[in-house]
Amino acid sequence: MAELSPIAPAGSRLADLPAVLRSLPRLDAEESERFAADLSDIREHANVESPGDPWES
């Protein structure tokens, strides 16, 4: 189960991003493979349809 929450207090500097990313837990081999498969699937299906107007009624 994933939990979405802020990874750093508001007002963090962009220069702090590398340290924040290093502090995140690493993916295990299975998670890494699933993540790679998800990215591949996204790339395969991205931009297949023409962009539309999301506010079209």
N, C-alpha and C. Protein backbone atom coordinates (compact mmCIF):
# COMPACT_ATOMS: atom_id res chain seq x y z
N MET A 1 0.85 -1.16 0.00
CA MET A 1 0.00 0.00 0.00
C MET A 1 0.89 1.22 0.00
N ALA A 2 0.57 2.18 -0.83
CA ALA A 2 1.34 3.42 -0.91
C ALA A 2 0.66 4.49 -0.07
N GLU A 3 1.47 5.36 0.44
CA GLU A 3 0.94 6.49 1.20
C GLU A 3 1.52 7.75 0.59
N LEU A 4 0.67 8.68 0.22
CA LEU A 4 1.12 9.94 -0.32
C LEU A 4 1.19 10.95 0.81
N SER A 5 2.35 11.53 0.97
CA SER A 5 2.53 12.55 1.98
C SER A 5 3.70 13.42 1.57
N PRO A 6 3.78 14.62 2.10
CA PRO A 6 4.92 15.47 1.76
C PRO A 6 6.23 14.79 2.18
N ILE A 7 7.24 14.89 1.32
CA ILE A 7 8.52 14.27 1.64
C ILE A 7 9.45 15.24 2.35
N ALA A 8 9.10 16.49 2.33
CA ALA A 8 9.93 17.49 3.00
C ALA A 8 9.03 18.63 3.46
N PRO A 9 9.44 19.34 4.48
CA PRO A 9 8.63 20.46 4.92
C PRO A 9 8.51 21.52 3.82
N ALA A 10 7.41 22.24 3.83
CA ALA A 10 7.21 23.30 2.85
C ALA A 10 8.36 24.28 2.93
N GLY A 11 8.74 24.81 1.80
CA GLY A 11 9.81 25.79 1.78
C GLY A 11 11.19 25.19 1.61
N SER A 12 11.27 23.90 1.30
CA SER A 12 12.58 23.29 1.06
C SER A 12 13.20 23.86 -0.20
N ARG A 13 14.49 23.83 -0.23
CA ARG A 13 15.21 24.37 -1.38
C ARG A 13 15.47 23.26 -2.39
N LEU A 14 15.52 23.63 -3.65
CA LEU A 14 15.82 22.66 -4.70
C LEU A 14 17.17 22.01 -4.46
N ALA A 15 18.10 22.73 -3.88
CA ALA A 15 19.42 22.19 -3.59
C ALA A 15 19.35 21.02 -2.61
N ASP A 16 18.26 20.93 -1.83
CA ASP A 16 18.10 19.84 -0.87
C ASP A 16 17.54 18.56 -1.50
N LEU A 17 17.10 18.65 -2.76
CA LEU A 17 16.44 17.51 -3.40
C LEU A 17 17.32 16.25 -3.47
N PRO A 18 18.58 16.34 -3.85
CA PRO A 18 19.39 15.11 -3.89
C PRO A 18 19.43 14.38 -2.54
N ALA A 19 19.55 15.11 -1.45
CA ALA A 19 19.58 14.48 -0.12
C ALA A 19 18.23 13.86 0.21
N VAL A 20 17.16 14.52 -0.17
CA VAL A 20 15.82 13.97 0.08
C VAL A 20 15.65 12.66 -0.70
N LEU A 21 16.06 12.66 -1.95
CA LEU A 21 15.93 11.45 -2.77
C LEU A 21 16.79 10.32 -2.22
N ARG A 22 17.99 10.63 -1.75
CA ARG A 22 18.85 9.60 -1.15
C ARG A 22 18.25 9.03 0.11
N SER A 23 17.43 9.82 0.81
CA SER A 23 16.86 9.37 2.08
C SER A 23 15.65 8.44 1.91
N LEU A 24 15.11 8.38 0.70
CA LEU A 24 13.93 7.54 0.45
C LEU A 24 14.33 6.07 0.45
N PRO A 25 13.40 5.19 0.84
CA PRO A 25 13.72 3.76 0.83
C PRO A 25 13.95 3.27 -0.60
N ARG A 26 14.84 2.33 -0.75
CA ARG A 26 15.15 1.74 -2.06
C ARG A 26 14.11 0.69 -2.41
N LEU A 27 13.89 0.51 -3.72
CA LEU A 27 13.00 -0.54 -4.19
C LEU A 27 13.74 -1.86 -4.14
N ASP A 28 13.03 -2.93 -3.74
CA ASP A 28 13.66 -4.25 -3.82
C ASP A 28 13.57 -4.72 -5.28
N ALA A 29 14.15 -5.87 -5.58
CA ALA A 29 14.22 -6.34 -6.97
C ALA A 29 12.84 -6.49 -7.60
N GLU A 30 11.89 -7.05 -6.86
CA GLU A 30 10.53 -7.24 -7.41
C GLU A 30 9.85 -5.90 -7.66
N GLU A 31 9.97 -4.97 -6.72
CA GLU A 31 9.37 -3.65 -6.90
C GLU A 31 10.00 -2.93 -8.09
N SER A 32 11.30 -3.07 -8.22
CA SER A 32 12.02 -2.43 -9.31
C SER A 32 11.55 -2.97 -10.66
N GLU A 33 11.37 -4.28 -10.76
CA GLU A 33 10.89 -4.89 -12.00
C GLU A 33 9.47 -4.44 -12.33
N ARG A 34 8.61 -4.38 -11.30
CA ARG A 34 7.23 -3.92 -11.53
C ARG A 34 7.21 -2.46 -11.96
N PHE A 35 8.06 -1.63 -11.34
CA PHE A 35 8.15 -0.22 -11.69
C PHE A 35 8.61 -0.07 -13.14
N ALA A 36 9.62 -0.83 -13.54
CA ALA A 36 10.11 -0.80 -14.92
C ALA A 36 9.01 -1.22 -15.89
N ALA A 37 8.25 -2.26 -15.53
CA ALA A 37 7.14 -2.70 -16.39
C ALA A 37 6.07 -1.63 -16.50
N ASP A 38 5.77 -0.95 -15.39
CA ASP A 38 4.79 0.14 -15.42
C ASP A 38 5.26 1.26 -16.35
N LEU A 39 6.54 1.63 -16.25
CA LEU A 39 7.07 2.69 -17.11
C LEU A 39 7.01 2.28 -18.58
N SER A 40 7.33 1.03 -18.86
CA SER A 40 7.27 0.53 -20.23
C SER A 40 5.84 0.60 -20.76
N ASP A 41 4.88 0.20 -19.93
CA ASP A 41 3.47 0.24 -20.32
C ASP A 41 3.02 1.66 -20.57
N ILE A 42 3.44 2.57 -19.72
CA ILE A 42 3.07 3.98 -19.89
C ILE A 42 3.63 4.52 -21.19
N ARG A 43 4.91 4.21 -21.46
CA ARG A 43 5.53 4.69 -22.70
C ARG A 43 4.83 4.12 -23.92
N GLU A 44 4.43 2.86 -23.84
CA GLU A 44 3.76 2.21 -24.97
C GLU A 44 2.41 2.85 -25.27
N HIS A 45 1.69 3.25 -24.22
CA HIS A 45 0.34 3.77 -24.40
C HIS A 45 0.24 5.29 -24.36
N ALA A 46 1.36 5.95 -24.11
CA ALA A 46 1.33 7.42 -24.02
C ALA A 46 1.10 8.03 -25.40
N ASN A 47 0.33 9.07 -25.41
CA ASN A 47 0.09 9.85 -26.63
C ASN A 47 -0.49 9.03 -27.77
N VAL A 48 -1.24 7.99 -27.44
CA VAL A 48 -1.89 7.19 -28.48
C VAL A 48 -3.08 7.96 -29.05
N GLU A 49 -3.81 8.61 -28.18
CA GLU A 49 -4.97 9.37 -28.62
C GLU A 49 -4.60 10.84 -28.79
N SER A 50 -5.32 11.50 -29.66
CA SER A 50 -5.11 12.93 -29.84
C SER A 50 -5.54 13.66 -28.58
N PRO A 51 -4.83 14.71 -28.23
CA PRO A 51 -5.26 15.48 -27.05
C PRO A 51 -6.65 16.04 -27.28
N GLY A 52 -7.43 16.06 -26.24
CA GLY A 52 -8.78 16.59 -26.33
C GLY A 52 -8.97 17.73 -25.34
N ASP A 53 -10.12 18.31 -25.38
CA ASP A 53 -10.44 19.39 -24.45
C ASP A 53 -11.06 18.77 -23.20
N PRO A 54 -10.38 18.81 -22.06
CA PRO A 54 -10.93 18.18 -20.85
C PRO A 54 -12.19 18.86 -20.33
N TRP A 55 -12.44 20.10 -20.79
CA TRP A 55 -13.62 20.82 -20.32
C TRP A 55 -14.74 20.79 -21.34
N GLU A 56 -14.55 20.02 -22.39
CA GLU A 56 -15.58 19.91 -23.42
C GLU A 56 -16.83 19.29 -22.84
N SER A 57 -17.99 19.88 -23.17
CA SER A 57 -19.24 19.30 -22.65
C SER A 57 -19.93 18.47 -23.69
